[in-house]
Amino acid sequence: QYLYEADGMHMFMDTATYEQIGIATAQIEDELKFLKDGMEADVMTYEGEVIGVQLQAKVHLEVVDTEPGIRGDTQSGGSKPATLETGAVITVPLFVNKGDLLEVNTEEGTYSSRV
């Protein structure tokens, strides 16, 4: 479970043992785009060394900034950028608005659906 960031280290907790593991920002830069406090993630290790983090394939994140939706436009194929609560910017359909909760594919960094 992701806990917090401090001094360039991101702290995770093993929910079974309550052991805390620190991972440097550089090791998980791509994953941080879709990671928020309290989110579950798998810490990957190789020969006792932490090598990264694997997120769930799809996560729910809120849109904190985007251009206003166009009335009557429902999945017509147009798109626009949207900033998520984690700071990531993804491309979304025109009908998505600020405050919408989206399902995001973490492997591709793309919009899946509105929740």
PDB file of N, CA and C in Angstrom:
ATOM      1  N   GLN A   1       0.859  -1.174   0.000  1.00  0.00           N
ATOM      2  CA  GLN A   1       0.000   0.000   0.000  1.00  0.00           C
ATOM      3  C   GLN A   1       0.902   1.233   0.000  1.00  0.00           C
ATOM      4  N   TYR A   2       0.587   2.187  -0.909  1.00  0.00           N
ATOM      5  CA  TYR A   2       1.381   3.416  -0.984  1.00  0.00           C
ATOM      6  C   TYR A   2       1.013   4.337   0.166  1.00  0.00           C
ATOM      7  N   LEU A   3       2.030   4.842   0.870  1.00  0.00           N
ATOM      8  CA  LEU A   3       1.789   5.689   2.026  1.00  0.00           C
ATOM      9  C   LEU A   3       2.036   7.169   1.746  1.00  0.00           C
ATOM     10  N   TYR A   4       3.292   7.517   1.386  1.00  0.00           N
ATOM     11  CA  TYR A   4       3.643   8.921   1.217  1.00  0.00           C
ATOM     12  C   TYR A   4       5.011   9.054   0.551  1.00  0.00           C
ATOM     13  N   GLU A   5       5.365  10.324   0.229  1.00  0.00           N
ATOM     14  CA  GLU A   5       6.670  10.642  -0.341  1.00  0.00           C
ATOM     15  C   GLU A   5       7.398  11.558   0.632  1.00  0.00           C
ATOM     16  N   ALA A   6       8.684  11.305   0.833  1.00  0.00           N
ATOM     17  CA  ALA A   6       9.507  12.161   1.682  1.00  0.00           C
ATOM     18  C   ALA A   6      10.947  12.127   1.182  1.00  0.00           C
ATOM     19  N   ASP A   7      11.488  13.295   0.895  1.00  0.00           N
ATOM     20  CA  ASP A   7      12.885  13.431   0.479  1.00  0.00           C
ATOM     21  C   ASP A   7      13.260  12.519  -0.692  1.00  0.00           C
ATOM     22  N   GLY A   8      12.407  12.443  -1.696  1.00  0.00           N
ATOM     23  CA  GLY A   8      12.709  11.651  -2.881  1.00  0.00           C
ATOM     24  C   GLY A   8      12.505  10.160  -2.728  1.00  0.00           C
ATOM     25  N   MET A   9      11.978   9.746  -1.589  1.00  0.00           N
ATOM     26  CA  MET A   9      11.685   8.335  -1.367  1.00  0.00           C
ATOM     27  C   MET A   9      10.180   8.158  -1.218  1.00  0.00           C
ATOM     28  N   HIS A  10       9.646   7.138  -1.842  1.00  0.00           N
ATOM     29  CA  HIS A  10       8.215   6.842  -1.770  1.00  0.00           C
ATOM     30  C   HIS A  10       8.051   5.613  -0.886  1.00  0.00           C
ATOM     31  N   MET A  11       7.237   5.771   0.144  1.00  0.00           N
ATOM     32  CA  MET A  11       7.099   4.731   1.148  1.00  0.00           C
ATOM     33  C   MET A  11       5.873   3.864   0.882  1.00  0.00           C
ATOM     34  N   PHE A  12       6.088   2.568   0.932  1.00  0.00           N
ATOM     35  CA  PHE A  12       5.045   1.566   0.763  1.00  0.00           C
ATOM     36  C   PHE A  12       5.022   0.706   2.010  1.00  0.00           C
ATOM     37  N   MET A  13       3.851   0.117   2.308  1.00  0.00           N
ATOM     38  CA  MET A  13       3.727  -0.746   3.483  1.00  0.00           C
ATOM     39  C   MET A  13       3.191  -2.107   3.050  1.00  0.00           C
ATOM     40  N   ASP A  14       3.825  -3.152   3.553  1.00  0.00           N
ATOM     41  CA  ASP A  14       3.317  -4.507   3.365  1.00  0.00           C
ATOM     42  C   ASP A  14       2.128  -4.636   4.310  1.00  0.00           C
ATOM     43  N   THR A  15       0.928  -4.819   3.768  1.00  0.00           N
ATOM     44  CA  THR A  15      -0.274  -4.848   4.601  1.00  0.00           C
ATOM     45  C   THR A  15      -0.364  -6.100   5.468  1.00  0.00           C
ATOM     46  N   ALA A  16       0.450  -7.106   5.198  1.00  0.00           N
ATOM     47  CA  ALA A  16       0.438  -8.316   6.016  1.00  0.00           C
ATOM     48  C   ALA A  16       1.376  -8.186   7.213  1.00  0.00           C
ATOM     49  N   THR A  17       2.558  -7.589   6.996  1.00  0.00           N
ATOM     50  CA  THR A  17       3.563  -7.509   8.064  1.00  0.00           C
ATOM     51  C   THR A  17       3.744  -6.096   8.620  1.00  0.00           C
ATOM     52  N   TYR A  18       3.163  -5.098   7.951  1.00  0.00           N
ATOM     53  CA  TYR A  18       3.300  -3.671   8.297  1.00  0.00           C
ATOM     54  C   TYR A  18       4.717  -3.154   8.110  1.00  0.00           C
ATOM     55  N   GLU A  19       5.564  -3.927   7.426  1.00  0.00           N
ATOM     56  CA  GLU A  19       6.923  -3.496   7.116  1.00  0.00           C
ATOM     57  C   GLU A  19       6.845  -2.382   6.069  1.00  0.00           C
ATOM     58  N   GLN A  20       7.681  -1.352   6.248  1.00  0.00           N
ATOM     59  CA  GLN A  20       7.700  -0.254   5.294  1.00  0.00           C
ATOM     60  C   GLN A  20       8.910  -0.364   4.386  1.00  0.00           C
ATOM     61  N   ILE A  21       8.683  -0.061   3.093  1.00  0.00           N
ATOM     62  CA  ILE A  21       9.723  -0.163   2.079  1.00  0.00           C
ATOM     63  C   ILE A  21       9.815   1.173   1.364  1.00  0.00           C
ATOM     64  N   GLY A  22      11.024   1.723   1.264  1.00  0.00           N
ATOM     65  CA  GLY A  22      11.239   2.977   0.559  1.00  0.00           C
ATOM     66  C   GLY A  22      11.780   2.731  -0.837  1.00  0.00           C
ATOM     67  N   ILE A  23      11.216   3.439  -1.807  1.00  0.00           N
ATOM     68  CA  ILE A  23      11.660   3.302  -3.196  1.00  0.00           C
ATOM     69  C   ILE A  23      11.942   4.698  -3.741  1.00  0.00           C
ATOM     70  N   ALA A  24      13.103   4.860  -4.374  1.00  0.00           N
ATOM     71  CA  ALA A  24      13.505   6.155  -4.925  1.00  0.00           C
ATOM     72  C   ALA A  24      12.593   6.550  -6.092  1.00  0.00           C
ATOM     73  N   THR A  25      12.347   7.840  -6.211  1.00  0.00           N
ATOM     74  CA  THR A  25      11.499   8.380  -7.273  1.00  0.00           C
ATOM     75  C   THR A  25      11.951   7.898  -8.643  1.00  0.00           C
ATOM     76  N   ALA A  26      13.257   7.894  -8.896  1.00  0.00           N
ATOM     77  CA  ALA A  26      13.787   7.512 -10.204  1.00  0.00           C
ATOM     78  C   ALA A  26      13.390   6.083 -10.608  1.00  0.00           C
ATOM     79  N   GLN A  27      13.191   5.206  -9.640  1.00  0.00           N
ATOM     80  CA  GLN A  27      12.845   3.816  -9.934  1.00  0.00           C
ATOM     81  C   GLN A  27      11.394   3.646 -10.368  1.00  0.00           C
ATOM     82  N   ILE A  28      10.524   4.584  -9.995  1.00  0.00           N
ATOM     83  CA  ILE A  28       9.090   4.397 -10.266  1.00  0.00           C
ATOM     84  C   ILE A  28       8.431   5.632 -10.893  1.00  0.00           C
ATOM     85  N   GLU A  29       9.206   6.402 -11.655  1.00  0.00           N
ATOM     86  CA  GLU A  29       8.672   7.637 -12.243  1.00  0.00           C
ATOM     87  C   GLU A  29       7.406   7.423 -13.057  1.00  0.00           C
ATOM     88  N   ASP A  30       7.380   6.420 -13.903  1.00  0.00           N
ATOM     89  CA  ASP A  30       6.202   6.177 -14.748  1.00  0.00           C
ATOM     90  C   ASP A  30       4.986   5.782 -13.917  1.00  0.00           C
ATOM     91  N   GLU A  31       5.186   4.963 -12.902  1.00  0.00           N
ATOM     92  CA  GLU A  31       4.086   4.498 -12.066  1.00  0.00           C
ATOM     93  C   GLU A  31       3.499   5.628 -11.215  1.00  0.00           C
ATOM     94  N   LEU A  32       4.328   6.596 -10.833  1.00  0.00           N
ATOM     95  CA  LEU A  32       3.867   7.700  -9.991  1.00  0.00           C
ATOM     96  C   LEU A  32       2.778   8.528 -10.662  1.00  0.00           C
ATOM     97  N   LYS A  33       2.707   8.495 -11.980  1.00  0.00           N
ATOM     98  CA  LYS A  33       1.681   9.242 -12.710  1.00  0.00           C
ATOM     99  C   LYS A  33       0.275   8.784 -12.338  1.00  0.00           C
ATOM    100  N   PHE A  34       0.157   7.541 -11.875  1.00  0.00           N
ATOM    101  CA  PHE A  34      -1.158   6.960 -11.605  1.00  0.00           C
ATOM    102  C   PHE A  34      -1.291   6.436 -10.174  1.00  0.00           C
ATOM    103  N   LEU A  35      -0.401   6.853  -9.281  1.00  0.00           N
ATOM    104  CA  LEU A  35      -0.369   6.354  -7.909  1.00  0.00           C
ATOM    105  C   LEU A  35      -0.785   7.448  -6.933  1.00  0.00           C
ATOM    106  N   LYS A  36      -1.740   7.127  -6.052  1.00  0.00           N
ATOM    107  CA  LYS A  36      -2.148   8.092  -5.030  1.00  0.00           C
ATOM    108  C   LYS A  36      -2.112   7.420  -3.663  1.00  0.00           C
ATOM    109  N   ASP A  37      -2.122   8.238  -2.609  1.00  0.00           N
ATOM    110  CA  ASP A  37      -2.041   7.730  -1.236  1.00  0.00           C
ATOM    111  C   ASP A  37      -3.102   6.663  -0.972  1.00  0.00           C
ATOM    112  N   GLY A  38      -2.672   5.576  -0.325  1.00  0.00           N
ATOM    113  CA  GLY A  38      -3.589   4.510   0.049  1.00  0.00           C
ATOM    114  C   GLY A  38      -3.819   3.469  -1.031  1.00  0.00           C
ATOM    115  N   MET A  39      -3.302   3.697  -2.226  1.00  0.00           N
ATOM    116  CA  MET A  39      -3.524   2.772  -3.335  1.00  0.00           C
ATOM    117  C   MET A  39      -2.672   1.510  -3.155  1.00  0.00           C
ATOM    118  N   GLU A  40      -3.262   0.382  -3.523  1.00  0.00           N
ATOM    119  CA  GLU A  40      -2.547  -0.897  -3.465  1.00  0.00           C
ATOM    120  C   GLU A  40      -1.631  -1.042  -4.678  1.00  0.00           C
ATOM    121  N   ALA A  41      -0.432  -1.587  -4.451  1.00  0.00           N
ATOM    122  CA  ALA A  41       0.531  -1.829  -5.521  1.00  0.00           C
ATOM    123  C   ALA A  41       1.418  -2.997  -5.112  1.00  0.00           C
ATOM    124  N   ASP A  42       1.985  -3.681  -6.089  1.00  0.00           N
ATOM    125  CA  ASP A  42       2.905  -4.779  -5.805  1.00  0.00           C
ATOM    126  C   ASP A  42       4.334  -4.274  -5.943  1.00  0.00           C
ATOM    127  N   VAL A  43       5.126  -4.386  -4.870  1.00  0.00           N
ATOM    128  CA  VAL A  43       6.531  -4.017  -4.917  1.00  0.00           C
ATOM    129  C   VAL A  43       7.280  -5.220  -5.489  1.00  0.00           C
ATOM    130  N   MET A  44       8.007  -4.989  -6.574  1.00  0.00           N
ATOM    131  CA  MET A  44       8.737  -6.072  -7.242  1.00  0.00           C
ATOM    132  C   MET A  44      10.191  -6.081  -6.778  1.00  0.00           C
ATOM    133  N   THR A  45      10.684  -7.281  -6.483  1.00  0.00           N
ATOM    134  CA  THR A  45      12.071  -7.425  -6.050  1.00  0.00           C
ATOM    135  C   THR A  45      12.771  -8.488  -6.886  1.00  0.00           C
ATOM    136  N   TYR A  46      14.089  -8.394  -6.939  1.00  0.00           N
ATOM    137  CA  TYR A  46      14.917  -9.395  -7.602  1.00  0.00           C
ATOM    138  C   TYR A  46      16.145  -9.588  -6.734  1.00  0.00           C
ATOM    139  N   GLU A  47      16.345 -10.812  -6.264  1.00  0.00           N
ATOM    140  CA  GLU A  47      17.460 -11.166  -5.378  1.00  0.00           C
ATOM    141  C   GLU A  47      17.545 -10.215  -4.190  1.00  0.00           C
ATOM    142  N   GLY A  48      16.372  -9.919  -3.606  1.00  0.00           N
ATOM    143  CA  GLY A  48      16.329  -9.096  -2.405  1.00  0.00           C
ATOM    144  C   GLY A  48      16.368  -7.598  -2.641  1.00  0.00           C
ATOM    145  N   GLU A  49      16.549  -7.156  -3.873  1.00  0.00           N
ATOM    146  CA  GLU A  49      16.604  -5.728  -4.192  1.00  0.00           C
ATOM    147  C   GLU A  49      15.294  -5.291  -4.840  1.00  0.00           C
ATOM    148  N   VAL A  50      14.779  -4.149  -4.414  1.00  0.00           N
ATOM    149  CA  VAL A  50      13.563  -3.597  -5.007  1.00  0.00           C
ATOM    150  C   VAL A  50      13.899  -3.093  -6.411  1.00  0.00           C
ATOM    151  N   ILE A  51      13.102  -3.545  -7.395  1.00  0.00           N
ATOM    152  CA  ILE A  51      13.356  -3.121  -8.780  1.00  0.00           C
ATOM    153  C   ILE A  51      12.214  -2.288  -9.361  1.00  0.00           C
ATOM    154  N   GLY A  52      11.104  -2.194  -8.642  1.00  0.00           N
ATOM    155  CA  GLY A  52      10.002  -1.391  -9.148  1.00  0.00           C
ATOM    156  C   GLY A  52       8.696  -1.690  -8.467  1.00  0.00           C
ATOM    157  N   VAL A  53       7.636  -1.118  -9.039  1.00  0.00           N
ATOM    158  CA  VAL A  53       6.292  -1.265  -8.509  1.00  0.00           C
ATOM    159  C   VAL A  53       5.356  -1.594  -9.655  1.00  0.00           C
ATOM    160  N   GLN A  54       4.450  -2.517  -9.436  1.00  0.00           N
ATOM    161  CA  GLN A  54       3.431  -2.834 -10.436  1.00  0.00           C
ATOM    162  C   GLN A  54       2.076  -2.412  -9.897  1.00  0.00           C
ATOM    163  N   LEU A  55       1.412  -1.530 -10.640  1.00  0.00           N
ATOM    164  CA  LEU A  55       0.092  -1.055 -10.257  1.00  0.00           C
ATOM    165  C   LEU A  55      -0.979  -1.995 -10.775  1.00  0.00           C
ATOM    166  N   GLN A  56      -2.198  -1.814 -10.281  1.00  0.00           N
ATOM    167  CA  GLN A  56      -3.328  -2.535 -10.844  1.00  0.00           C
ATOM    168  C   GLN A  56      -3.443  -2.114 -12.310  1.00  0.00           C
ATOM    169  N   ALA A  57      -3.987  -2.980 -13.153  1.00  0.00           N
ATOM    170  CA  ALA A  57      -4.095  -2.674 -14.577  1.00  0.00           C
ATOM    171  C   ALA A  57      -4.950  -1.440 -14.831  1.00  0.00           C
ATOM    172  N   LYS A  58      -5.984  -1.247 -14.008  1.00  0.00           N
ATOM    173  CA  LYS A  58      -6.856  -0.079 -14.165  1.00  0.00           C
ATOM    174  C   LYS A  58      -7.116   0.534 -12.798  1.00  0.00           C
ATOM    175  N   VAL A  59      -7.041   1.862 -12.733  1.00  0.00           N
ATOM    176  CA  VAL A  59      -7.292   2.589 -11.487  1.00  0.00           C
ATOM    177  C   VAL A  59      -8.312   3.695 -11.755  1.00  0.00           C
ATOM    178  N   HIS A  60      -8.952   4.157 -10.697  1.00  0.00           N
ATOM    179  CA  HIS A  60      -9.927   5.245 -10.798  1.00  0.00           C
ATOM    180  C   HIS A  60      -9.284   6.531 -10.301  1.00  0.00           C
ATOM    181  N   LEU A  61      -9.283   7.557 -11.160  1.00  0.00           N
ATOM    182  CA  LEU A  61      -8.701   8.844 -10.812  1.00  0.00           C
ATOM    183  C   LEU A  61      -9.626   9.969 -11.252  1.00  0.00           C
ATOM    184  N   GLU A  62      -9.620  11.049 -10.477  1.00  0.00           N
ATOM    185  CA  GLU A  62     -10.490  12.190 -10.758  1.00  0.00           C
ATOM    186  C   GLU A  62      -9.802  13.192 -11.682  1.00  0.00           C
ATOM    187  N   VAL A  63     -10.587  13.794 -12.579  1.00  0.00           N
ATOM    188  CA  VAL A  63     -10.106  14.852 -13.458  1.00  0.00           C
ATOM    189  C   VAL A  63     -10.100  16.152 -12.655  1.00  0.00           C
ATOM    190  N   VAL A  64      -8.942  16.807 -12.554  1.00  0.00           N
ATOM    191  CA  VAL A  64      -8.864  18.065 -11.816  1.00  0.00           C
ATOM    192  C   VAL A  64      -8.802  19.278 -12.746  1.00  0.00           C
ATOM    193  N   ASP A  65      -8.511  19.048 -14.026  1.00  0.00           N
ATOM    194  CA  ASP A  65      -8.492  20.164 -14.969  1.00  0.00           C
ATOM    195  C   ASP A  65      -8.646  19.654 -16.396  1.00  0.00           C
ATOM    196  N   THR A  66      -9.549  20.279 -17.124  1.00  0.00           N
ATOM    197  CA  THR A  66      -9.725  20.022 -18.547  1.00  0.00           C
ATOM    198  C   THR A  66     -10.635  21.109 -19.096  1.00  0.00           C
ATOM    199  N   GLU A  67     -10.666  21.238 -20.392  1.00  0.00           N
ATOM    200  CA  GLU A  67     -11.581  22.194 -21.006  1.00  0.00           C
ATOM    201  C   GLU A  67     -13.005  21.717 -20.753  1.00  0.00           C
ATOM    202  N   PRO A  68     -13.966  22.640 -20.675  1.00  0.00           N
ATOM    203  CA  PRO A  68     -15.356  22.223 -20.452  1.00  0.00           C
ATOM    204  C   PRO A  68     -15.840  21.273 -21.547  1.00  0.00           C
ATOM    205  N   GLY A  69     -16.693  20.332 -21.147  1.00  0.00           N
ATOM    206  CA  GLY A  69     -17.270  19.391 -22.094  1.00  0.00           C
ATOM    207  C   GLY A  69     -18.193  20.103 -23.065  1.00  0.00           C
ATOM    208  N   ILE A  70     -18.366  19.517 -24.217  1.00  0.00           N
ATOM    209  CA  ILE A  70     -19.242  20.097 -25.223  1.00  0.00           C
ATOM    210  C   ILE A  70     -20.605  19.444 -25.104  1.00  0.00           C
ATOM    211  N   ARG A  71     -21.624  20.240 -24.898  1.00  0.00           N
ATOM    212  CA  ARG A  71     -22.980  19.735 -24.706  1.00  0.00           C
ATOM    213  C   ARG A  71     -23.435  18.934 -25.926  1.00  0.00           C
ATOM    214  N   GLY A  72     -23.981  17.758 -25.658  1.00  0.00           N
ATOM    215  CA  GLY A  72     -24.496  16.912 -26.726  1.00  0.00           C
ATOM    216  C   GLY A  72     -23.437  16.061 -27.402  1.00  0.00           C
ATOM    217  N   ASP A  73     -22.180  16.229 -27.013  1.00  0.00           N
ATOM    218  CA  ASP A  73     -21.112  15.453 -27.643  1.00  0.00           C
ATOM    219  C   ASP A  73     -20.893  14.169 -26.857  1.00  0.00           C
ATOM    220  N   THR A  74     -21.320  13.053 -27.387  1.00  0.00           N
ATOM    221  CA  THR A  74     -21.153  11.779 -26.705  1.00  0.00           C
ATOM    222  C   THR A  74     -20.330  10.842 -27.567  1.00  0.00           C
ATOM    223  N   GLN A  75     -19.118  10.668 -27.185  1.00  0.00           N
ATOM    224  CA  GLN A  75     -18.209   9.734 -27.842  1.00  0.00           C
ATOM    225  C   GLN A  75     -18.186   9.888 -29.350  1.00  0.00           C
ATOM    226  N   SER A  76     -18.053  11.125 -29.827  1.00  0.00           N
ATOM    227  CA  SER A  76     -18.034  11.360 -31.269  1.00  0.00           C
ATOM    228  C   SER A  76     -16.659  11.155 -31.873  1.00  0.00           C
ATOM    229  N   GLY A  77     -15.673  10.893 -31.045  1.00  0.00           N
ATOM    230  CA  GLY A  77     -14.349  10.629 -31.588  1.00  0.00           C
ATOM    231  C   GLY A  77     -13.353  11.732 -31.309  1.00  0.00           C
ATOM    232  N   GLY A  78     -13.810  12.940 -30.932  1.00  0.00           N
ATOM    233  CA  GLY A  78     -12.890  14.020 -30.615  1.00  0.00           C
ATOM    234  C   GLY A  78     -12.222  13.770 -29.284  1.00  0.00           C
ATOM    235  N   SER A  79     -11.110  14.464 -29.041  1.00  0.00           N
ATOM    236  CA  SER A  79     -10.416  14.279 -27.772  1.00  0.00           C
ATOM    237  C   SER A  79      -9.771  15.583 -27.320  1.00  0.00           C
ATOM    238  N   LYS A  80      -9.370  15.593 -26.050  1.00  0.00           N
ATOM    239  CA  LYS A  80      -8.723  16.750 -25.441  1.00  0.00           C
ATOM    240  C   LYS A  80      -7.868  16.259 -24.285  1.00  0.00           C
ATOM    241  N   PRO A  81      -6.908  17.076 -23.809  1.00  0.00           N
ATOM    242  CA  PRO A  81      -6.098  16.671 -22.656  1.00  0.00           C
ATOM    243  C   PRO A  81      -6.856  16.905 -21.351  1.00  0.00           C
ATOM    244  N   ALA A  82      -6.574  16.061 -20.362  1.00  0.00           N
ATOM    245  CA  ALA A  82      -7.150  16.218 -19.029  1.00  0.00           C
ATOM    246  C   ALA A  82      -6.065  15.920 -17.997  1.00  0.00           C
ATOM    247  N   THR A  83      -6.006  16.747 -16.954  1.00  0.00           N
ATOM    248  CA  THR A  83      -5.061  16.535 -15.860  1.00  0.00           C
ATOM    249  C   THR A  83      -5.775  15.778 -14.750  1.00  0.00           C
ATOM    250  N   LEU A  84      -5.156  14.689 -14.297  1.00  0.00           N
ATOM    251  CA  LEU A  84      -5.728  13.854 -13.249  1.00  0.00           C
ATOM    252  C   LEU A  84      -5.230  14.292 -11.882  1.00  0.00           C
ATOM    253  N   GLU A  85      -5.845  13.794 -10.822  1.00  0.00           N
ATOM    254  CA  GLU A  85      -5.495  14.171  -9.456  1.00  0.00           C
ATOM    255  C   GLU A  85      -4.054  13.858  -9.091  1.00  0.00           C
ATOM    256  N   THR A  86      -3.411  12.962  -9.815  1.00  0.00           N
ATOM    257  CA  THR A  86      -2.013  12.620  -9.551  1.00  0.00           C
ATOM    258  C   THR A  86      -1.048  13.512 -10.318  1.00  0.00           C
ATOM    259  N   GLY A  87      -1.585  14.372 -11.195  1.00  0.00           N
ATOM    260  CA  GLY A  87      -0.751  15.251 -12.014  1.00  0.00           C
ATOM    261  C   GLY A  87      -0.536  14.737 -13.418  1.00  0.00           C
ATOM    262  N   ALA A  88      -0.900  13.498 -13.676  1.00  0.00           N
ATOM    263  CA  ALA A  88      -0.750  12.931 -15.025  1.00  0.00           C
ATOM    264  C   ALA A  88      -1.714  13.620 -15.984  1.00  0.00           C
ATOM    265  N   VAL A  89      -1.271  13.775 -17.231  1.00  0.00           N
ATOM    266  CA  VAL A  89      -2.117  14.338 -18.277  1.00  0.00           C
ATOM    267  C   VAL A  89      -2.358  13.239 -19.302  1.00  0.00           C
ATOM    268  N   ILE A  90      -3.649  12.938 -19.539  1.00  0.00           N
ATOM    269  CA  ILE A  90      -4.003  11.924 -20.529  1.00  0.00           C
ATOM    270  C   ILE A  90      -4.993  12.516 -21.523  1.00  0.00           C
ATOM    271  N   THR A  91      -5.169  11.846 -22.633  1.00  0.00           N
ATOM    272  CA  THR A  91      -6.134  12.262 -23.636  1.00  0.00           C
ATOM    273  C   THR A  91      -7.473  11.606 -23.331  1.00  0.00           C
ATOM    274  N   VAL A  92      -8.539  12.425 -23.321  1.00  0.00           N
ATOM    275  CA  VAL A  92      -9.881  11.936 -22.988  1.00  0.00           C
ATOM    276  C   VAL A  92     -10.873  12.398 -24.051  1.00  0.00           C
ATOM    277  N   PRO A  93     -12.049  11.766 -24.137  1.00  0.00           N
ATOM    278  CA  PRO A  93     -13.090  12.222 -25.060  1.00  0.00           C
ATOM    279  C   PRO A  93     -13.593  13.620 -24.682  1.00  0.00           C
ATOM    280  N   LEU A  94     -14.183  14.309 -25.624  1.00  0.00           N
ATOM    281  CA  LEU A  94     -14.659  15.677 -25.423  1.00  0.00           C
ATOM    282  C   LEU A  94     -15.708  15.813 -24.329  1.00  0.00           C
ATOM    283  N   PHE A  95     -16.483  14.758 -24.054  1.00  0.00           N
ATOM    284  CA  PHE A  95     -17.556  14.858 -23.068  1.00  0.00           C
ATOM    285  C   PHE A  95     -17.081  14.776 -21.619  1.00  0.00           C
ATOM    286  N   VAL A  96     -15.816  14.486 -21.372  1.00  0.00           N
ATOM    287  CA  VAL A  96     -15.285  14.387 -20.013  1.00  0.00           C
ATOM    288  C   VAL A  96     -15.132  15.793 -19.430  1.00  0.00           C
ATOM    289  N   ASN A  97     -15.533  15.958 -18.163  1.00  0.00           N
ATOM    290  CA  ASN A  97     -15.485  17.252 -17.479  1.00  0.00           C
ATOM    291  C   ASN A  97     -14.634  17.195 -16.228  1.00  0.00           C
ATOM    292  N   LYS A  98     -14.256  18.369 -15.746  1.00  0.00           N
ATOM    293  CA  LYS A  98     -13.561  18.494 -14.465  1.00  0.00           C
ATOM    294  C   LYS A  98     -14.452  17.883 -13.387  1.00  0.00           C
ATOM    295  N   GLY A  99     -13.855  17.072 -12.503  1.00  0.00           N
ATOM    296  CA  GLY A  99     -14.609  16.427 -11.436  1.00  0.00           C
ATOM    297  C   GLY A  99     -15.052  15.017 -11.777  1.00  0.00           C
ATOM    298  N   ASP A 100     -14.992  14.626 -13.057  1.00  0.00           N
ATOM    299  CA  ASP A 100     -15.374  13.267 -13.446  1.00  0.00           C
ATOM    300  C   ASP A 100     -14.370  12.259 -12.894  1.00  0.00           C
ATOM    301  N   LEU A 101     -14.853  11.089 -12.534  1.00  0.00           N
ATOM    302  CA  LEU A 101     -14.012   9.989 -12.092  1.00  0.00           C
ATOM    303  C   LEU A 101     -13.814   9.071 -13.290  1.00  0.00           C
ATOM    304  N   LEU A 102     -12.552   8.813 -13.624  1.00  0.00           N
ATOM    305  CA  LEU A 102     -12.234   8.018 -14.806  1.00  0.00           C
ATOM    306  C   LEU A 102     -11.535   6.721 -14.433  1.00  0.00           C
ATOM    307  N   GLU A 103     -11.749   5.712 -15.260  1.00  0.00           N
ATOM    308  CA  GLU A 103     -10.969   4.487 -15.161  1.00  0.00           C
ATOM    309  C   GLU A 103      -9.821   4.644 -16.150  1.00  0.00           C
ATOM    310  N   VAL A 104      -8.589   4.493 -15.649  1.00  0.00           N
ATOM    311  CA  VAL A 104      -7.399   4.718 -16.456  1.00  0.00           C
ATOM    312  C   VAL A 104      -6.592   3.428 -16.552  1.00  0.00           C
ATOM    313  N   ASN A 105      -6.164   3.088 -17.762  1.00  0.00           N
ATOM    314  CA  ASN A 105      -5.311   1.930 -17.994  1.00  0.00           C
ATOM    315  C   ASN A 105      -3.888   2.340 -17.628  1.00  0.00           C
ATOM    316  N   THR A 106      -3.336   1.775 -16.558  1.00  0.00           N
ATOM    317  CA  THR A 106      -2.009   2.173 -16.078  1.00  0.00           C
ATOM    318  C   THR A 106      -0.887   1.613 -16.935  1.00  0.00           C
ATOM    319  N   GLU A 107      -1.126   0.535 -17.645  1.00  0.00           N
ATOM    320  CA  GLU A 107      -0.076  -0.051 -18.476  1.00  0.00           C
ATOM    321  C   GLU A 107       0.195   0.801 -19.714  1.00  0.00           C
ATOM    322  N   GLU A 108      -0.886   1.401 -20.256  1.00  0.00           N
ATOM    323  CA  GLU A 108      -0.752   2.212 -21.470  1.00  0.00           C
ATOM    324  C   GLU A 108      -0.840   3.709 -21.180  1.00  0.00           C
ATOM    325  N   GLY A 109      -1.307   4.064 -19.975  1.00  0.00           N
ATOM    326  CA  GLY A 109      -1.482   5.472 -19.624  1.00  0.00           C
ATOM    327  C   GLY A 109      -2.592   6.129 -20.417  1.00  0.00           C
ATOM    328  N   THR A 110      -3.691   5.367 -20.593  1.00  0.00           N
ATOM    329  CA  THR A 110      -4.785   5.859 -21.425  1.00  0.00           C
ATOM    330  C   THR A 110      -6.123   5.804 -20.701  1.00  0.00           C
ATOM    331  N   TYR A 111      -7.062   6.600 -21.199  1.00  0.00           N
ATOM    332  CA  TYR A 111      -8.446   6.625 -20.730  1.00  0.00           C
ATOM    333  C   TYR A 111      -9.125   5.323 -21.095  1.00  0.00           C
ATOM    334  N   SER A 112      -9.864   4.729 -20.147  1.00  0.00           N
ATOM    335  CA  SER A 112     -10.646   3.522 -20.431  1.00  0.00           C
ATOM    336  C   SER A 112     -12.134   3.836 -20.471  1.00  0.00           C
ATOM    337  N   SER A 113     -12.624   4.505 -19.391  1.00  0.00           N
ATOM    338  CA  SER A 113     -14.052   4.843 -19.342  1.00  0.00           C
ATOM    339  C   SER A 113     -14.295   5.841 -18.231  1.00  0.00           C
ATOM    340  N   ARG A 114     -15.492   6.396 -18.226  1.00  0.00           N
ATOM    341  CA  ARG A 114     -15.919   7.275 -17.145  1.00  0.00           C
ATOM    342  C   ARG A 114     -16.665   6.383 -16.144  1.00  0.00           C
ATOM    343  N   VAL A 115     -16.409   6.579 -14.863  1.00  0.00           N
ATOM    344  CA  VAL A 115     -17.000   5.739 -13.818  1.00  0.00           C
ATOM    345  C   VAL A 115     -18.283   6.352 -13.321  1.00  0.00           C
TER     346      VAL A 115
END
